[in-house]
Amino acid sequence: FTVGASLPISGLTAWQGLFQHGRLQAGQSVLAHGAAGAVGSMVTQL
């Protein structure tokens, strides 16, 4: 449950920002601000 509660805002923010709004494609480069934070670490991994 602890892991589950940590995912919605950070995970969805990263997912929607990268893929819905950013339309990220393989081979592109991403500048991820706050990369050690809750959202930034999700952005980096995804």
PDB file of all heavy atoms in Angstrom:
ATOM      1  N   PHE A   1       0.819  -1.211   0.000  1.00  0.00           N
ATOM      2  CA  PHE A   1       0.000   0.000   0.000  1.00  0.00           C
ATOM      3  C   PHE A   1       0.856   1.265   0.000  1.00  0.00           C
ATOM      4  O   PHE A   1       0.511   2.265  -0.638  1.00  0.00           O
ATOM      5  CB  PHE A   1      -0.934   0.015   1.215  1.00  0.00           C
ATOM      6  CG  PHE A   1      -2.078  -0.970   1.132  1.00  0.00           C
ATOM      7  CD1 PHE A   1      -2.169  -2.019   2.032  1.00  0.00           C
ATOM      8  CD2 PHE A   1      -3.060  -0.844   0.169  1.00  0.00           C
ATOM      9  CE1 PHE A   1      -3.226  -2.924   1.975  1.00  0.00           C
ATOM     10  CE2 PHE A   1      -4.125  -1.735   0.096  1.00  0.00           C
ATOM     11  CZ  PHE A   1      -4.203  -2.786   1.003  1.00  0.00           C
ATOM     12  N   THR A   2       1.984   1.237   0.714  1.00  0.00           N
ATOM     13  CA  THR A   2       2.870   2.402   0.750  1.00  0.00           C
ATOM     14  C   THR A   2       3.387   2.735  -0.643  1.00  0.00           C
ATOM     15  O   THR A   2       3.412   3.899  -1.058  1.00  0.00           O
ATOM     16  CB  THR A   2       4.055   2.148   1.705  1.00  0.00           C
ATOM     17  OG1 THR A   2       3.540   1.886   3.006  1.00  0.00           O
ATOM     18  CG2 THR A   2       4.978   3.350   1.773  1.00  0.00           C
ATOM     19  N   VAL A   3       3.790   1.719  -1.382  1.00  0.00           N
ATOM     20  CA  VAL A   3       4.255   1.920  -2.750  1.00  0.00           C
ATOM     21  C   VAL A   3       3.105   2.408  -3.632  1.00  0.00           C
ATOM     22  O   VAL A   3       3.256   3.353  -4.416  1.00  0.00           O
ATOM     23  CB  VAL A   3       4.856   0.617  -3.308  1.00  0.00           C
ATOM     24  CG1 VAL A   3       5.183   0.763  -4.793  1.00  0.00           C
ATOM     25  CG2 VAL A   3       6.101   0.236  -2.526  1.00  0.00           C
ATOM     26  N   GLY A   4       1.948   1.794  -3.494  1.00  0.00           N
ATOM     27  CA  GLY A   4       0.797   2.198  -4.300  1.00  0.00           C
ATOM     28  C   GLY A   4       0.433   3.659  -4.120  1.00  0.00           C
ATOM     29  O   GLY A   4       0.123   4.365  -5.087  1.00  0.00           O
ATOM     30  N   ALA A   5       0.502   4.150  -2.887  1.00  0.00           N
ATOM     31  CA  ALA A   5       0.138   5.544  -2.611  1.00  0.00           C
ATOM     32  C   ALA A   5       1.171   6.526  -3.130  1.00  0.00           C
ATOM     33  O   ALA A   5       0.877   7.715  -3.290  1.00  0.00           O
ATOM     34  CB  ALA A   5      -0.053   5.744  -1.109  1.00  0.00           C
ATOM     35  N   SER A   6       2.383   6.046  -3.414  1.00  0.00           N
ATOM     36  CA  SER A   6       3.437   6.939  -3.895  1.00  0.00           C
ATOM     37  C   SER A   6       3.396   7.148  -5.408  1.00  0.00           C
ATOM     38  O   SER A   6       4.112   7.997  -5.937  1.00  0.00           O
ATOM     39  CB  SER A   6       4.813   6.375  -3.517  1.00  0.00           C
ATOM     40  OG  SER A   6       5.138   5.246  -4.312  1.00  0.00           O
ATOM     41  N   LEU A   7       2.561   6.393  -6.109  1.00  0.00           N
ATOM     42  CA  LEU A   7       2.617   6.365  -7.565  1.00  0.00           C
ATOM     43  C   LEU A   7       1.705   7.346  -8.303  1.00  0.00           C
ATOM     44  O   LEU A   7       2.094   7.845  -9.370  1.00  0.00           O
ATOM     45  CB  LEU A   7       2.298   4.949  -8.072  1.00  0.00           C
ATOM     46  CG  LEU A   7       3.287   3.857  -7.681  1.00  0.00           C
ATOM     47  CD1 LEU A   7       2.742   2.493  -8.101  1.00  0.00           C
ATOM     48  CD2 LEU A   7       4.633   4.108  -8.325  1.00  0.00           C
ATOM     49  N   PRO A   8       0.486   7.644  -7.837  1.00  0.00           N
ATOM     50  CA  PRO A   8      -0.456   8.333  -8.726  1.00  0.00           C
ATOM     51  C   PRO A   8      -0.008   9.694  -9.249  1.00  0.00           C
ATOM     52  O   PRO A   8       0.040   9.896 -10.468  1.00  0.00           O
ATOM     53  CB  PRO A   8      -1.731   8.438  -7.869  1.00  0.00           C
ATOM     54  CG  PRO A   8      -1.663   7.246  -6.970  1.00  0.00           C
ATOM     55  CD  PRO A   8      -0.211   7.130  -6.627  1.00  0.00           C
ATOM     56  N   ILE A   9       0.308  10.653  -8.387  1.00  0.00           N
ATOM     57  CA  ILE A   9       0.660  11.987  -8.898  1.00  0.00           C
ATOM     58  C   ILE A   9       1.985  11.937  -9.644  1.00  0.00           C
ATOM     59  O   ILE A   9       2.098  12.422 -10.778  1.00  0.00           O
ATOM     60  CB  ILE A   9       0.697  13.031  -7.766  1.00  0.00           C
ATOM     61  CG1 ILE A   9      -0.724  13.330  -7.283  1.00  0.00           C
ATOM     62  CG2 ILE A   9       1.370  14.320  -8.242  1.00  0.00           C
ATOM     63  CD1 ILE A   9      -0.809  14.366  -6.173  1.00  0.00           C
ATOM     64  N   SER A  10       3.000  11.350  -9.030  1.00  0.00           N
ATOM     65  CA  SER A  10       4.322  11.336  -9.659  1.00  0.00           C
ATOM     66  C   SER A  10       4.306  10.536 -10.953  1.00  0.00           C
ATOM     67  O   SER A  10       4.818  10.990 -11.992  1.00  0.00           O
ATOM     68  CB  SER A  10       5.348  10.744  -8.689  1.00  0.00           C
ATOM     69  OG  SER A  10       5.364  11.464  -7.486  1.00  0.00           O
ATOM     70  N   GLY A  11       3.744   9.345 -10.901  1.00  0.00           N
ATOM     71  CA  GLY A  11       3.738   8.488 -12.077  1.00  0.00           C
ATOM     72  C   GLY A  11       2.898   9.042 -13.211  1.00  0.00           C
ATOM     73  O   GLY A  11       3.337   9.074 -14.368  1.00  0.00           O
ATOM     74  N   LEU A  12       1.685   9.486 -12.897  1.00  0.00           N
ATOM     75  CA  LEU A  12       0.808  10.027 -13.942  1.00  0.00           C
ATOM     76  C   LEU A  12       1.342  11.335 -14.511  1.00  0.00           C
ATOM     77  O   LEU A  12       1.231  11.595 -15.713  1.00  0.00           O
ATOM     78  CB  LEU A  12      -0.605  10.230 -13.394  1.00  0.00           C
ATOM     79  CG  LEU A  12      -1.405   8.966 -13.097  1.00  0.00           C
ATOM     80  CD1 LEU A  12      -2.685   9.316 -12.353  1.00  0.00           C
ATOM     81  CD2 LEU A  12      -1.732   8.195 -14.386  1.00  0.00           C
ATOM     82  N   THR A  13       1.919  12.183 -13.655  1.00  0.00           N
ATOM     83  CA  THR A  13       2.500  13.439 -14.143  1.00  0.00           C
ATOM     84  C   THR A  13       3.608  13.152 -15.141  1.00  0.00           C
ATOM     85  O   THR A  13       3.679  13.753 -16.226  1.00  0.00           O
ATOM     86  CB  THR A  13       3.031  14.281 -12.973  1.00  0.00           C
ATOM     87  OG1 THR A  13       1.952  14.614 -12.095  1.00  0.00           O
ATOM     88  CG2 THR A  13       3.672  15.570 -13.473  1.00  0.00           C
ATOM     89  N   ALA A  14       4.501  12.233 -14.789  1.00  0.00           N
ATOM     90  CA  ALA A  14       5.600  11.881 -15.691  1.00  0.00           C
ATOM     91  C   ALA A  14       5.073  11.267 -16.979  1.00  0.00           C
ATOM     92  O   ALA A  14       5.504  11.633 -18.080  1.00  0.00           O
ATOM     93  CB  ALA A  14       6.553  10.924 -14.986  1.00  0.00           C
ATOM     94  N   TRP A  15       4.139  10.332 -16.849  1.00  0.00           N
ATOM     95  CA  TRP A  15       3.590   9.640 -18.029  1.00  0.00           C
ATOM     96  C   TRP A  15       2.917  10.619 -18.979  1.00  0.00           C
ATOM     97  O   TRP A  15       3.191  10.642 -20.187  1.00  0.00           O
ATOM     98  CB  TRP A  15       2.606   8.565 -17.563  1.00  0.00           C
ATOM     99  CG  TRP A  15       2.121   7.675 -18.664  1.00  0.00           C
ATOM    100  CD1 TRP A  15       1.176   7.978 -19.618  1.00  0.00           C
ATOM    101  CD2 TRP A  15       2.566   6.350 -18.956  1.00  0.00           C
ATOM    102  NE1 TRP A  15       0.994   6.920 -20.465  1.00  0.00           N
ATOM    103  CE2 TRP A  15       1.836   5.904 -20.086  1.00  0.00           C
ATOM    104  CE3 TRP A  15       3.494   5.488 -18.368  1.00  0.00           C
ATOM    105  CZ2 TRP A  15       2.015   4.633 -20.641  1.00  0.00           C
ATOM    106  CZ3 TRP A  15       3.659   4.232 -18.913  1.00  0.00           C
ATOM    107  CH2 TRP A  15       2.936   3.815 -20.028  1.00  0.00           C
ATOM    108  N   GLN A  16       2.032  11.447 -18.425  1.00  0.00           N
ATOM    109  CA  GLN A  16       1.270  12.370 -19.284  1.00  0.00           C
ATOM    110  C   GLN A  16       2.161  13.444 -19.883  1.00  0.00           C
ATOM    111  O   GLN A  16       2.006  13.827 -21.045  1.00  0.00           O
ATOM    112  CB  GLN A  16       0.115  12.972 -18.480  1.00  0.00           C
ATOM    113  CG  GLN A  16      -0.954  11.945 -18.152  1.00  0.00           C
ATOM    114  CD  GLN A  16      -1.952  12.382 -17.099  1.00  0.00           C
ATOM    115  OE1 GLN A  16      -2.101  13.573 -16.810  1.00  0.00           O
ATOM    116  NE2 GLN A  16      -2.648  11.420 -16.503  1.00  0.00           N
ATOM    117  N   GLY A  17       3.120  13.944 -19.092  1.00  0.00           N
ATOM    118  CA  GLY A  17       4.023  14.968 -19.606  1.00  0.00           C
ATOM    119  C   GLY A  17       4.915  14.456 -20.717  1.00  0.00           C
ATOM    120  O   GLY A  17       5.124  15.145 -21.727  1.00  0.00           O
ATOM    121  N   LEU A  18       5.432  13.236 -20.563  1.00  0.00           N
ATOM    122  CA  LEU A  18       6.328  12.678 -21.567  1.00  0.00           C
ATOM    123  C   LEU A  18       5.602  12.217 -22.820  1.00  0.00           C
ATOM    124  O   LEU A  18       6.003  12.537 -23.947  1.00  0.00           O
ATOM    125  CB  LEU A  18       7.102  11.491 -20.977  1.00  0.00           C
ATOM    126  CG  LEU A  18       8.183  11.798 -19.947  1.00  0.00           C
ATOM    127  CD1 LEU A  18       8.699  10.503 -19.330  1.00  0.00           C
ATOM    128  CD2 LEU A  18       9.332  12.591 -20.576  1.00  0.00           C
ATOM    129  N   PHE A  19       4.521  11.464 -22.636  1.00  0.00           N
ATOM    130  CA  PHE A  19       3.941  10.742 -23.761  1.00  0.00           C
ATOM    131  C   PHE A  19       2.711  11.417 -24.369  1.00  0.00           C
ATOM    132  O   PHE A  19       2.566  11.452 -25.588  1.00  0.00           O
ATOM    133  CB  PHE A  19       3.617   9.309 -23.344  1.00  0.00           C
ATOM    134  CG  PHE A  19       4.805   8.580 -22.779  1.00  0.00           C
ATOM    135  CD1 PHE A  19       4.754   7.968 -21.543  1.00  0.00           C
ATOM    136  CD2 PHE A  19       6.009   8.544 -23.477  1.00  0.00           C
ATOM    137  CE1 PHE A  19       5.857   7.308 -21.013  1.00  0.00           C
ATOM    138  CE2 PHE A  19       7.127   7.889 -22.960  1.00  0.00           C
ATOM    139  CZ  PHE A  19       7.043   7.273 -21.720  1.00  0.00           C
ATOM    140  N   GLN A  20       1.833  11.989 -23.539  1.00  0.00           N
ATOM    141  CA  GLN A  20       0.660  12.686 -24.088  1.00  0.00           C
ATOM    142  C   GLN A  20       1.029  14.074 -24.602  1.00  0.00           C
ATOM    143  O   GLN A  20       0.683  14.440 -25.721  1.00  0.00           O
ATOM    144  CB  GLN A  20      -0.436  12.815 -23.021  1.00  0.00           C
ATOM    145  CG  GLN A  20      -1.225  11.558 -22.769  1.00  0.00           C
ATOM    146  CD  GLN A  20      -2.320  11.788 -21.745  1.00  0.00           C
ATOM    147  OE1 GLN A  20      -2.444  11.048 -20.787  1.00  0.00           O
ATOM    148  NE2 GLN A  20      -3.116  12.820 -21.901  1.00  0.00           N
ATOM    149  N   HIS A  21       1.703  14.844 -23.755  1.00  0.00           N
ATOM    150  CA  HIS A  21       1.982  16.239 -24.094  1.00  0.00           C
ATOM    151  C   HIS A  21       3.332  16.420 -24.784  1.00  0.00           C
ATOM    152  O   HIS A  21       3.473  17.252 -25.674  1.00  0.00           O
ATOM    153  CB  HIS A  21       1.905  17.097 -22.829  1.00  0.00           C
ATOM    154  CG  HIS A  21       0.599  16.980 -22.117  1.00  0.00           C
ATOM    155  ND1 HIS A  21      -0.596  17.398 -22.665  1.00  0.00           N
ATOM    156  CD2 HIS A  21       0.282  16.469 -20.886  1.00  0.00           C
ATOM    157  CE1 HIS A  21      -1.590  17.160 -21.809  1.00  0.00           C
ATOM    158  NE2 HIS A  21      -1.078  16.600 -20.731  1.00  0.00           N
ATOM    159  N   GLY A  22       4.329  15.642 -24.384  1.00  0.00           N
ATOM    160  CA  GLY A  22       5.656  15.767 -24.970  1.00  0.00           C
ATOM    161  C   GLY A  22       5.875  14.903 -26.193  1.00  0.00           C
ATOM    162  O   GLY A  22       6.810  15.118 -26.959  1.00  0.00           O
ATOM    163  N   ARG A  23       5.013  13.882 -26.372  1.00  0.00           N
ATOM    164  CA  ARG A  23       5.101  12.968 -27.516  1.00  0.00           C
ATOM    165  C   ARG A  23       6.518  12.454 -27.722  1.00  0.00           C
ATOM    166  O   ARG A  23       7.063  12.471 -28.826  1.00  0.00           O
ATOM    167  CB  ARG A  23       4.564  13.651 -28.778  1.00  0.00           C
ATOM    168  CG  ARG A  23       3.108  14.081 -28.617  1.00  0.00           C
ATOM    169  CD  ARG A  23       2.487  14.622 -29.861  1.00  0.00           C
ATOM    170  NE  ARG A  23       1.101  14.997 -29.630  1.00  0.00           N
ATOM    171  CZ  ARG A  23       0.280  15.462 -30.572  1.00  0.00           C
ATOM    172  NH1 ARG A  23       0.717  15.621 -31.798  1.00  0.00           N
ATOM    173  NH2 ARG A  23      -0.973  15.761 -30.282  1.00  0.00           N
ATOM    174  N   LEU A  24       7.084  11.998 -26.632  1.00  0.00           N
ATOM    175  CA  LEU A  24       8.468  11.536 -26.639  1.00  0.00           C
ATOM    176  C   LEU A  24       8.645  10.332 -27.555  1.00  0.00           C
ATOM    177  O   LEU A  24       7.821   9.413 -27.557  1.00  0.00           O
ATOM    178  CB  LEU A  24       8.883  11.176 -25.215  1.00  0.00           C
ATOM    179  CG  LEU A  24      10.323  10.684 -25.033  1.00  0.00           C
ATOM    180  CD1 LEU A  24      11.310  11.801 -25.325  1.00  0.00           C
ATOM    181  CD2 LEU A  24      10.516  10.139 -23.614  1.00  0.00           C
ATOM    182  N   GLN A  25       9.747  10.341 -28.296  1.00  0.00           N
ATOM    183  CA  GLN A  25      10.103   9.235 -29.183  1.00  0.00           C
ATOM    184  C   GLN A  25      11.488   8.704 -28.807  1.00  0.00           C
ATOM    185  O   GLN A  25      12.334   9.440 -28.286  1.00  0.00           O
ATOM    186  CB  GLN A  25      10.138   9.708 -30.648  1.00  0.00           C
ATOM    187  CG  GLN A  25       8.832  10.302 -31.149  1.00  0.00           C
ATOM    188  CD  GLN A  25       7.714   9.277 -31.224  1.00  0.00           C
ATOM    189  OE1 GLN A  25       7.940   8.145 -31.637  1.00  0.00           O
ATOM    190  NE2 GLN A  25       6.511   9.681 -30.822  1.00  0.00           N
ATOM    191  N   ALA A  26      11.711   7.436 -29.105  1.00  0.00           N
ATOM    192  CA  ALA A  26      13.026   6.837 -28.877  1.00  0.00           C
ATOM    193  C   ALA A  26      14.090   7.618 -29.635  1.00  0.00           C
ATOM    194  O   ALA A  26      13.858   8.080 -30.756  1.00  0.00           O
ATOM    195  CB  ALA A  26      13.017   5.382 -29.328  1.00  0.00           C
ATOM    196  N   GLY A  27      15.239   7.795 -28.997  1.00  0.00           N
ATOM    197  CA  GLY A  27      16.339   8.513 -29.623  1.00  0.00           C
ATOM    198  C   GLY A  27      16.363   9.997 -29.334  1.00  0.00           C
ATOM    199  O   GLY A  27      17.351  10.675 -29.647  1.00  0.00           O
ATOM    200  N   GLN A  28      15.298  10.521 -28.715  1.00  0.00           N
ATOM    201  CA  GLN A  28      15.279  11.942 -28.367  1.00  0.00           C
ATOM    202  C   GLN A  28      15.986  12.170 -27.040  1.00  0.00           C
ATOM    203  O   GLN A  28      16.289  11.229 -26.304  1.00  0.00           O
ATOM    204  CB  GLN A  28      13.833  12.448 -28.302  1.00  0.00           C
ATOM    205  CG  GLN A  28      13.142  12.488 -29.652  1.00  0.00           C
ATOM    206  CD  GLN A  28      11.764  13.124 -29.570  1.00  0.00           C
ATOM    207  OE1 GLN A  28      11.030  12.947 -28.605  1.00  0.00           O
ATOM    208  NE2 GLN A  28      11.404  13.872 -30.614  1.00  0.00           N
ATOM    209  N   SER A  29      16.266  13.439 -26.746  1.00  0.00           N
ATOM    210  CA  SER A  29      16.922  13.799 -25.491  1.00  0.00           C
ATOM    211  C   SER A  29      15.948  14.572 -24.613  1.00  0.00           C
ATOM    212  O   SER A  29      15.143  15.379 -25.095  1.00  0.00           O
ATOM    213  CB  SER A  29      18.163  14.649 -25.762  1.00  0.00           C
ATOM    214  OG  SER A  29      17.838  15.782 -26.547  1.00  0.00           O
ATOM    215  N   VAL A  30      16.023  14.315 -23.294  1.00  0.00           N
ATOM    216  CA  VAL A  30      15.120  14.922 -22.320  1.00  0.00           C
ATOM    217  C   VAL A  30      15.935  15.618 -21.241  1.00  0.00           C
ATOM    218  O   VAL A  30      16.863  15.017 -20.669  1.00  0.00           O
ATOM    219  CB  VAL A  30      14.207  13.861 -21.665  1.00  0.00           C
ATOM    220  CG1 VAL A  30      13.346  14.483 -20.567  1.00  0.00           C
ATOM    221  CG2 VAL A  30      13.330  13.179 -22.710  1.00  0.00           C
ATOM    222  N   LEU A  31      15.610  16.874 -20.960  1.00  0.00           N
ATOM    223  CA  LEU A  31      16.163  17.582 -19.817  1.00  0.00           C
ATOM    224  C   LEU A  31      15.139  17.477 -18.690  1.00  0.00           C
ATOM    225  O   LEU A  31      14.050  18.055 -18.766  1.00  0.00           O
ATOM    226  CB  LEU A  31      16.425  19.046 -20.170  1.00  0.00           C
ATOM    227  CG  LEU A  31      16.991  19.935 -19.059  1.00  0.00           C
ATOM    228  CD1 LEU A  31      18.333  19.427 -18.565  1.00  0.00           C
ATOM    229  CD2 LEU A  31      17.101  21.384 -19.532  1.00  0.00           C
ATOM    230  N   ALA A  32      15.467  16.689 -17.664  1.00  0.00           N
ATOM    231  CA  ALA A  32      14.535  16.408 -16.569  1.00  0.00           C
ATOM    232  C   ALA A  32      14.960  17.190 -15.332  1.00  0.00           C
ATOM    233  O   ALA A  32      15.918  16.822 -14.648  1.00  0.00           O
ATOM    234  CB  ALA A  32      14.513  14.918 -16.265  1.00  0.00           C
ATOM    235  N   HIS A  33      14.238  18.270 -15.053  1.00  0.00           N
ATOM    236  CA  HIS A  33      14.553  19.059 -13.859  1.00  0.00           C
ATOM    237  C   HIS A  33      14.076  18.328 -12.604  1.00  0.00           C
ATOM    238  O   HIS A  33      13.090  17.596 -12.629  1.00  0.00           O
ATOM    239  CB  HIS A  33      13.914  20.438 -13.957  1.00  0.00           C
ATOM    240  CG  HIS A  33      14.599  21.340 -14.936  1.00  0.00           C
ATOM    241  ND1 HIS A  33      15.948  21.591 -14.876  1.00  0.00           N
ATOM    242  CD2 HIS A  33      14.131  22.046 -16.011  1.00  0.00           C
ATOM    243  CE1 HIS A  33      16.289  22.417 -15.862  1.00  0.00           C
ATOM    244  NE2 HIS A  33      15.214  22.701 -16.562  1.00  0.00           N
ATOM    245  N   GLY A  34      14.787  18.562 -11.506  1.00  0.00           N
ATOM    246  CA  GLY A  34      14.422  17.909 -10.247  1.00  0.00           C
ATOM    247  C   GLY A  34      14.493  16.400 -10.341  1.00  0.00           C
ATOM    248  O   GLY A  34      13.624  15.687  -9.838  1.00  0.00           O
ATOM    249  N   ALA A  35      15.554  15.890 -10.964  1.00  0.00           N
ATOM    250  CA  ALA A  35      15.618  14.466 -11.303  1.00  0.00           C
ATOM    251  C   ALA A  35      15.713  13.550 -10.090  1.00  0.00           C
ATOM    252  O   ALA A  35      15.503  12.350 -10.214  1.00  0.00           O
ATOM    253  CB  ALA A  35      16.796  14.215 -12.244  1.00  0.00           C
ATOM    254  N   ALA A  36      16.036  14.086  -8.919  1.00  0.00           N
ATOM    255  CA  ALA A  36      16.075  13.265  -7.712  1.00  0.00           C
ATOM    256  C   ALA A  36      14.762  13.324  -6.940  1.00  0.00           C
ATOM    257  O   ALA A  36      14.602  12.640  -5.926  1.00  0.00           O
ATOM    258  CB  ALA A  36      17.218  13.717  -6.798  1.00  0.00           C
ATOM    259  N   GLY A  37      13.815  14.131  -7.408  1.00  0.00           N
ATOM    260  CA  GLY A  37      12.540  14.291  -6.731  1.00  0.00           C
ATOM    261  C   GLY A  37      11.531  13.227  -7.122  1.00  0.00           C
ATOM    262  O   GLY A  37      11.795  12.352  -7.953  1.00  0.00           O
ATOM    263  N   ALA A  38      10.347  13.319  -6.535  1.00  0.00           N
ATOM    264  CA  ALA A  38       9.314  12.306  -6.758  1.00  0.00           C
ATOM    265  C   ALA A  38       8.891  12.248  -8.225  1.00  0.00           C
ATOM    266  O   ALA A  38       8.780  11.170  -8.810  1.00  0.00           O
ATOM    267  CB  ALA A  38       8.111  12.587  -5.861  1.00  0.00           C
ATOM    268  N   VAL A  39       8.631  13.409  -8.846  1.00  0.00           N
ATOM    269  CA  VAL A  39       8.245  13.439 -10.255  1.00  0.00           C
ATOM    270  C   VAL A  39       9.452  13.219 -11.154  1.00  0.00           C
ATOM    271  O   VAL A  39       9.418  12.404 -12.087  1.00  0.00           O
ATOM    272  CB  VAL A  39       7.543  14.768 -10.608  1.00  0.00           C
ATOM    273  CG1 VAL A  39       7.298  14.873 -12.118  1.00  0.00           C
ATOM    274  CG2 VAL A  39       6.221  14.893  -9.867  1.00  0.00           C
ATOM    275  N   GLY A  40      10.536  13.935 -10.894  1.00  0.00           N
ATOM    276  CA  GLY A  40      11.708  13.869 -11.760  1.00  0.00           C
ATOM    277  C   GLY A  40      12.302  12.476 -11.876  1.00  0.00           C
ATOM    278  O   GLY A  40      12.775  12.076 -12.950  1.00  0.00           O
ATOM    279  N   SER A  41      12.273  11.710 -10.794  1.00  0.00           N
ATOM    280  CA  SER A  41      12.807  10.351 -10.855  1.00  0.00           C
ATOM    281  C   SER A  41      11.925   9.454 -11.720  1.00  0.00           C
ATOM    282  O   SER A  41      12.430   8.541 -12.401  1.00  0.00           O
ATOM    283  CB  SER A  41      12.956   9.768  -9.451  1.00  0.00           C
ATOM    284  OG  SER A  41      11.718   9.742  -8.765  1.00  0.00           O
ATOM    285  N   MET A  42      10.622   9.698 -11.714  1.00  0.00           N
ATOM    286  CA  MET A  42       9.714   8.965 -12.603  1.00  0.00           C
ATOM    287  C   MET A  42       9.942   9.371 -14.056  1.00  0.00           C
ATOM    288  O   MET A  42       9.955   8.529 -14.959  1.00  0.00           O
ATOM    289  CB  MET A  42       8.257   9.232 -12.208  1.00  0.00           C
ATOM    290  CG  MET A  42       7.835   8.585 -10.917  1.00  0.00           C
ATOM    291  SD  MET A  42       7.577   6.818 -11.111  1.00  0.00           S
ATOM    292  CE  MET A  42       7.009   6.382  -9.479  1.00  0.00           C
ATOM    293  N   VAL A  43      10.102  10.673 -14.292  1.00  0.00           N
ATOM    294  CA  VAL A  43      10.382  11.163 -15.652  1.00  0.00           C
ATOM    295  C   VAL A  43      11.642  10.486 -16.187  1.00  0.00           C
ATOM    296  O   VAL A  43      11.669   9.989 -17.320  1.00  0.00           O
ATOM    297  CB  VAL A  43      10.550  12.698 -15.652  1.00  0.00           C
ATOM    298  CG1 VAL A  43      11.081  13.185 -16.997  1.00  0.00           C
ATOM    299  CG2 VAL A  43       9.233  13.380 -15.312  1.00  0.00           C
ATOM    300  N   THR A  44      12.683  10.458 -15.362  1.00  0.00           N
ATOM    301  CA  THR A  44      13.954   9.866 -15.784  1.00  0.00           C
ATOM    302  C   THR A  44      13.789   8.404 -16.172  1.00  0.00           C
ATOM    303  O   THR A  44      14.238   7.965 -17.249  1.00  0.00           O
ATOM    304  CB  THR A  44      14.991   9.995 -14.652  1.00  0.00           C
ATOM    305  OG1 THR A  44      15.215  11.385 -14.378  1.00  0.00           O
ATOM    306  CG2 THR A  44      16.300   9.333 -15.023  1.00  0.00           C
ATOM    307  N   GLN A  45      13.134   7.640 -15.318  1.00  0.00           N
ATOM    308  CA  GLN A  45      13.008   6.206 -15.566  1.00  0.00           C
ATOM    309  C   GLN A  45      12.134   5.904 -16.782  1.00  0.00           C
ATOM    310  O   GLN A  45      12.481   5.059 -17.621  1.00  0.00           O
ATOM    311  CB  GLN A  45      12.428   5.512 -14.335  1.00  0.00           C
ATOM    312  CG  GLN A  45      13.340   5.529 -13.125  1.00  0.00           C
ATOM    313  CD  GLN A  45      12.663   4.929 -11.917  1.00  0.00           C
ATOM    314  OE1 GLN A  45      12.706   3.721 -11.690  1.00  0.00           O
ATOM    315  NE2 GLN A  45      12.010   5.767 -11.129  1.00  0.00           N
ATOM    316  N   LEU A  46      10.996   6.583 -16.890  1.00  0.00           N
ATOM    317  CA  LEU A  46      10.091   6.326 -18.016  1.00  0.00           C
ATOM    318  C   LEU A  46      10.704   6.769 -19.334  1.00  0.00           C
ATOM    319  O   LEU A  46      10.533   6.118 -20.369  1.00  0.00           O
ATOM    320  CB  LEU A  46       8.745   7.012 -17.784  1.00  0.00           C
ATOM    321  CG  LEU A  46       7.880   6.413 -16.665  1.00  0.00           C
ATOM    322  CD1 LEU A  46       6.664   7.301 -16.411  1.00  0.00           C
ATOM    323  CD2 LEU A  46       7.436   4.999 -17.016  1.00  0.00           C
TER     324      LEU A  46
END
